[in-house]
Protein backbone atom coordinates (compact mmCIF):
# COMPACT_ATOMS: atom_id res chain seq x y z
CA UNK A 1 0.00 0.00 0.00
CA UNK A 2 1.24 3.47 -0.90
CA UNK A 3 2.44 5.34 2.20
CA UNK A 4 2.43 9.12 2.33
CA UNK A 5 3.19 11.81 4.85
CA UNK A 6 3.27 15.58 5.29
CA UNK A 7 6.72 17.03 5.95
CA UNK A 8 6.12 20.45 7.49
CA UNK A 9 8.72 23.15 7.03
CA UNK A 10 9.19 26.91 7.11
CA UNK A 11 12.05 26.56 4.66
CA UNK A 12 9.77 27.78 1.88
CA UNK A 13 10.09 30.83 -0.38
CA UNK A 14 7.03 32.54 1.12
CA UNK A 15 8.82 32.62 4.49
CA UNK A 16 12.38 33.18 3.29
CA UNK A 17 11.76 36.08 0.90
CA UNK A 18 10.90 39.62 2.05
CA UNK A 19 7.23 39.73 2.99
CA UNK A 20 6.44 42.55 0.55
CA UNK A 21 7.75 40.39 -2.30
CA UNK A 22 5.34 37.60 -1.47
CA UNK A 23 2.15 38.93 0.11
CA UNK A 24 -0.46 41.52 -0.79
CA UNK A 25 -1.91 43.80 1.88
CA UNK A 26 -4.87 41.41 2.04
CA UNK A 27 -2.52 38.63 3.19
CA UNK A 28 -2.86 36.62 -0.01
CA UNK A 29 0.20 35.85 -2.09
CA UNK A 30 1.03 37.96 -5.12
CA UNK A 31 0.42 36.63 -8.62
CA UNK A 32 4.06 37.18 -9.71
CA UNK A 33 5.41 35.16 -6.77
CA UNK A 34 2.82 32.43 -7.35
CA UNK A 35 3.56 32.09 -11.06
CA UNK A 36 7.32 31.95 -10.51
CA UNK A 37 7.03 29.27 -7.83
CA UNK A 38 4.48 27.22 -9.77
CA UNK A 39 6.73 27.22 -12.83
CA UNK A 40 9.53 25.65 -10.78
CA UNK A 41 7.13 23.03 -9.46
CA UNK A 42 5.73 22.34 -12.94
CA UNK A 43 9.25 21.36 -14.05
CA UNK A 44 9.24 18.77 -11.27
CA UNK A 45 5.72 17.59 -12.14
CA UNK A 46 6.82 16.95 -15.72
CA UNK A 47 9.73 14.88 -14.34
CA UNK A 48 7.23 12.97 -12.22
CA UNK A 49 5.02 12.22 -15.20
CA UNK A 50 8.02 10.93 -17.17
CA UNK A 51 8.77 8.60 -14.25
CA UNK A 52 5.12 7.46 -14.24
CA UNK A 53 5.26 6.73 -17.98
CA UNK A 54 8.67 5.08 -17.96
CA UNK A 55 7.73 2.81 -15.06
CA UNK A 56 4.14 1.98 -16.02
CA UNK A 57 2.86 3.57 -12.82
CA UNK A 58 -0.75 4.56 -12.14
CA UNK A 59 -1.68 7.72 -10.25
CA UNK A 60 -5.17 8.74 -9.11
CA UNK A 61 -5.90 12.10 -7.51
CA UNK A 62 -9.29 12.81 -5.94
CA UNK A 63 -10.29 16.44 -5.50
CA UNK A 64 -13.14 17.17 -3.11
CA UNK A 65 -14.12 20.24 -1.13
CA UNK A 66 -16.59 22.95 -0.26
CA UNK A 67 -18.41 24.41 -3.28
CA UNK A 68 -16.44 27.27 -4.92
CA UNK A 69 -13.24 26.20 -3.12
CA UNK A 70 -11.33 25.90 -6.40
CA UNK A 71 -11.17 22.17 -7.10
CA UNK A 72 -11.71 22.41 -10.85
CA UNK A 73 -9.41 25.39 -11.36
CA UNK A 74 -6.68 23.64 -9.37
CA UNK A 75 -6.97 20.51 -11.51
CA UNK A 76 -6.78 22.71 -14.60
CA UNK A 77 -3.66 24.44 -13.24
CA UNK A 78 -1.92 21.16 -12.44
CA UNK A 79 -2.56 19.94 -15.99
CA UNK A 80 -0.93 22.96 -17.63
CA UNK A 81 2.23 21.17 -18.83
CA UNK A 82 1.29 17.50 -18.53
CA UNK A 83 1.12 15.17 -21.54
CA UNK A 84 -2.62 15.12 -22.39
CA UNK A 85 -2.34 11.64 -23.91
CA UNK A 86 -1.44 10.23 -20.52
CA UNK A 87 -3.56 12.49 -18.32
CA UNK A 88 -7.33 12.41 -17.81
CA UNK A 89 -9.79 14.55 -15.89
CA UNK A 90 -12.95 12.74 -14.79
CA UNK A 91 -15.93 14.93 -13.84
CA UNK A 92 -18.97 12.69 -13.93
CA UNK A 93 -22.53 14.04 -14.32
CA UNK A 94 -25.33 12.83 -12.10
CA UNK A 95 -25.87 9.06 -12.49
CA UNK A 96 -28.10 7.78 -15.28
CA UNK A 97 -31.10 5.54 -14.68
CA UNK A 98 -28.91 2.54 -15.53
CA UNK A 99 -26.08 3.63 -13.23
CA UNK A 100 -28.56 3.99 -10.38
CA UNK A 101 -29.10 0.22 -10.58
CA UNK A 102 -25.36 -0.51 -10.30
CA UNK A 103 -23.06 -0.94 -7.34
CA UNK A 104 -22.39 2.60 -6.16
CA UNK A 105 -18.62 2.57 -6.86
CA UNK A 106 -18.98 0.94 -10.28
CA UNK A 107 -19.24 4.02 -12.49
CA UNK A 108 -16.19 5.58 -10.85
CA UNK A 109 -13.95 2.52 -10.86
CA UNK A 110 -14.11 2.11 -14.63
CA UNK A 111 -12.17 5.41 -14.86
CA UNK A 112 -9.20 4.22 -12.79
CA UNK A 113 -5.82 4.89 -14.44
CA UNK A 114 -4.10 2.37 -16.66
CA UNK A 115 -0.32 2.00 -16.67
CA UNK A 116 1.49 5.26 -17.54
CA UNK A 117 -1.58 7.36 -16.67
CA UNK A 118 -2.41 10.11 -14.20
CA UNK A 119 -6.15 10.59 -13.56
CA UNK A 120 -7.78 13.51 -11.76
CA UNK A 121 -11.25 13.01 -10.25
CA UNK A 122 -13.14 16.31 -10.05
CA UNK A 123 -15.39 14.99 -7.29
CA UNK A 124 -15.67 11.25 -6.82
CA UNK A 125 -17.46 8.52 -4.88
CA UNK A 126 -17.32 10.94 -1.94
CA UNK A 127 -20.38 12.67 -3.36
CA UNK A 128 -22.25 10.20 -1.17
CA UNK A 129 -20.46 11.51 1.93
CA UNK A 130 -21.41 15.11 1.17
CA UNK A 131 -23.90 16.46 -1.33
CA UNK A 132 -25.98 13.26 -1.54
CA UNK A 133 -26.36 13.13 2.24
CA UNK A 134 -27.07 16.87 2.58
CA UNK A 135 -29.81 16.92 -0.04
CA UNK A 136 -31.30 13.48 0.56
CA UNK A 137 -30.13 12.01 -2.75
CA UNK A 138 -29.25 8.79 -0.91
CA UNK A 139 -30.97 6.86 1.86
CA UNK A 140 -29.55 6.44 5.35
CA UNK A 141 -28.95 2.79 4.50
CA UNK A 142 -26.96 3.72 1.38
CA UNK A 143 -24.96 6.29 3.36
CA UNK A 144 -24.02 3.68 5.98
CA UNK A 145 -23.17 1.10 3.31
CA UNK A 146 -20.84 3.61 1.69
CA UNK A 147 -18.80 3.93 4.87
CA UNK A 148 -18.84 0.16 5.36
CA UNK A 149 -17.19 -0.26 1.96
CA UNK A 150 -15.10 2.79 1.07
CA UNK A 151 -11.96 1.92 3.06
CA UNK A 152 -11.96 -1.60 1.63
CA UNK A 153 -12.36 -0.24 -1.91
CA UNK A 154 -9.44 2.14 -1.46
CA UNK A 155 -7.36 -0.58 0.20
CA UNK A 156 -7.83 -2.83 -2.85
CA UNK A 157 -7.01 0.03 -5.23
CA UNK A 158 -3.75 0.89 -3.51
CA UNK A 159 -2.73 -2.71 -2.81
CA UNK A 160 -2.98 -3.26 -6.56
CA UNK A 161 -0.38 -0.52 -7.02
CA UNK A 162 -2.36 2.63 -7.76
CA UNK A 163 -0.90 5.73 -6.10
CA UNK A 164 -3.90 7.49 -4.58
CA UNK A 165 -4.07 11.05 -3.28
CA UNK A 166 -7.22 12.52 -1.71
CA UNK A 167 -7.39 16.31 -1.49
CA UNK A 168 -10.08 18.31 0.27
CA UNK A 169 -10.29 22.08 -0.25
CA UNK A 170 -11.79 24.01 2.66
CA UNK A 171 -12.94 27.64 2.65
CA UNK A 172 -14.86 29.79 5.13
CA UNK A 173 -18.53 30.53 4.71
CA UNK A 174 -17.64 34.18 4.11
CA UNK A 175 -15.23 33.28 1.30
CA UNK A 176 -17.85 31.03 -0.25
CA UNK A 177 -20.40 33.86 -0.24
CA UNK A 178 -17.90 36.19 -1.96
CA UNK A 179 -17.09 33.62 -4.63
CA UNK A 180 -20.75 32.95 -5.34
CA UNK A 181 -21.24 36.70 -5.76
CA UNK A 182 -18.26 36.85 -8.11
CA UNK A 183 -19.72 34.10 -10.26
CA UNK A 184 -23.04 35.93 -10.43
CA UNK A 185 -21.33 39.06 -11.72
CA UNK A 186 -18.82 37.43 -14.09
CA UNK A 187 -20.39 36.18 -17.35
CA UNK A 188 -17.36 33.92 -17.90
CA UNK A 189 -18.05 32.11 -14.63
CA UNK A 190 -21.86 32.17 -14.54
CA UNK A 191 -22.05 28.61 -15.92
CA UNK A 192 -20.45 27.40 -12.69
CA UNK A 193 -23.48 28.45 -10.65
CA UNK A 194 -26.48 26.23 -9.98
CA UNK A 195 -29.40 26.15 -7.59
CA UNK A 196 -27.48 23.67 -5.44
CA UNK A 197 -24.69 26.23 -4.91
CA UNK A 198 -27.14 28.60 -3.24
CA UNK A 199 -28.80 25.84 -1.25
CA UNK A 200 -25.42 24.39 -0.32
CA UNK A 201 -24.26 27.74 1.02
CA UNK A 202 -27.25 27.75 3.39
CA UNK A 203 -26.20 24.27 4.55
CA UNK A 204 -22.51 25.17 4.97
CA UNK A 205 -22.39 24.08 8.64
CA UNK A 206 -23.91 20.70 7.77
CA UNK A 207 -21.27 20.19 5.07
CA UNK A 208 -18.53 20.91 7.62
CA UNK A 209 -19.94 18.33 10.04
CA UNK A 210 -20.10 15.73 7.28
CA UNK A 211 -16.56 16.62 6.18
CA UNK A 212 -15.18 16.09 9.68
CA UNK A 213 -17.02 12.78 9.96
CA UNK A 214 -15.55 11.73 6.60
CA UNK A 215 -12.03 12.58 7.77
CA UNK A 216 -12.52 10.21 10.72
CA UNK A 217 -14.34 7.35 9.00
CA UNK A 218 -12.63 7.22 5.58
CA UNK A 219 -9.00 7.86 6.38
CA UNK A 220 -7.26 4.55 5.67
CA UNK A 221 -5.83 6.53 2.74
CA UNK A 222 -5.08 9.97 4.23
CA UNK A 223 -7.10 13.06 3.49
CA UNK A 224 -5.03 16.09 2.60
CA UNK A 225 -7.02 19.13 3.73
CA UNK A 226 -6.00 22.47 2.26
CA UNK A 227 -7.00 25.95 3.37
CA UNK A 228 -8.18 27.30 0.01
CA UNK A 229 -9.23 30.76 1.14
CA UNK A 230 -6.12 31.71 -0.84
CA UNK A 231 -6.41 29.47 -3.91
CA UNK A 232 -2.86 30.10 -4.99
CA UNK A 233 -1.31 28.96 -1.71
CA UNK A 234 -3.54 25.87 -1.77
CA UNK A 235 -2.32 24.98 -5.26
CA UNK A 236 1.34 25.48 -4.35
CA UNK A 237 1.01 23.13 -1.40
CA UNK A 238 -1.06 20.58 -3.31
CA UNK A 239 1.74 20.29 -5.82
CA UNK A 240 4.45 20.28 -3.16
CA UNK A 241 2.68 17.46 -1.35
CA UNK A 242 2.39 15.31 -4.46
CA UNK A 243 6.02 15.83 -5.41
CA UNK A 244 7.34 15.25 -1.90
CA UNK A 245 5.58 11.88 -1.63
CA UNK A 246 6.94 10.23 -4.77
CA UNK A 247 10.61 9.49 -5.41
CA UNK A 248 10.88 10.14 -9.15
CA UNK A 249 14.12 10.52 -11.13
CA UNK A 250 16.24 13.70 -10.97
CA UNK A 251 14.15 15.17 -8.19
CA UNK A 252 15.18 18.62 -6.96
CA UNK A 253 15.24 17.92 -3.24
CA UNK A 254 16.26 21.47 -2.42
CA UNK A 255 13.03 22.72 -3.99
CA UNK A 256 10.84 19.80 -2.89
CA UNK A 257 11.45 19.85 0.85
CA UNK A 258 8.00 19.92 2.43
CA UNK A 259 4.70 21.77 2.81
CA UNK A 260 3.24 24.66 4.76
CA UNK A 261 1.51 23.64 7.99
CA UNK A 262 -0.58 26.82 7.87
CA UNK A 263 -2.16 25.62 4.62
CA UNK A 264 -2.06 21.83 4.63
CA UNK A 265 -3.27 19.34 7.23
CA UNK A 266 -3.15 15.55 7.04
CA UNK A 267 -5.99 13.35 8.34
CA UNK A 268 -5.07 9.69 8.55
CA UNK A 269 -5.86 6.59 10.56
CA UNK A 270 -2.38 6.80 12.13
CA UNK A 271 -2.59 10.47 13.18
């Protein structure tokens, strides 16, 4: 089974450089700093993908989180320089009438990576742990069955050699309200809004309770929780975490030396 850990350090550019070179007055990091650091990390991510391809490895990354937390945009950012022939993004629509008759995990598992592939799940089987439970799209029996099975499913996946990462992006209720407002006012983002976004915002506290329960019940494979109130810092530490947990060829260990404890928190059965 793939083992992973968070190595926390302050030996990071955002702490070593002058504060005015890194942070805006708002406390968020500056775009110039972000783009320069991400470019360095992208070089490493391309090295990692070459290692994956050369060694017939399989990598699966699950992205979950509070609505508007930046899951999709983060997946898009991470794919900027990856080989599209060996990289897939899976964002499934609501299940069809046929899929509703299947084993719950079935429609997701057919999208697992083959050798040489990296697959990104933009939401996953954890819909049952969140939105389906909040809005009554599943029964209490189905919800309990999910938790009876999910750790075993993920154990089998990883024991078969798939490298699995599970990321959860958390934002405050205030940040969520601001991002919903931004989507309302931006015609390029209006397609991202749905009735469920508004209803989900009202149920923010319930989502948080379900998230915390999920961290406790489904943590055989660790959850990597990221503070995404600053999307850019969340992305930097998502990428740092991935790169620090795989020993690929020609790794720049001086650059890849850990993650920021202020942004990233690990939830695992051993913690």
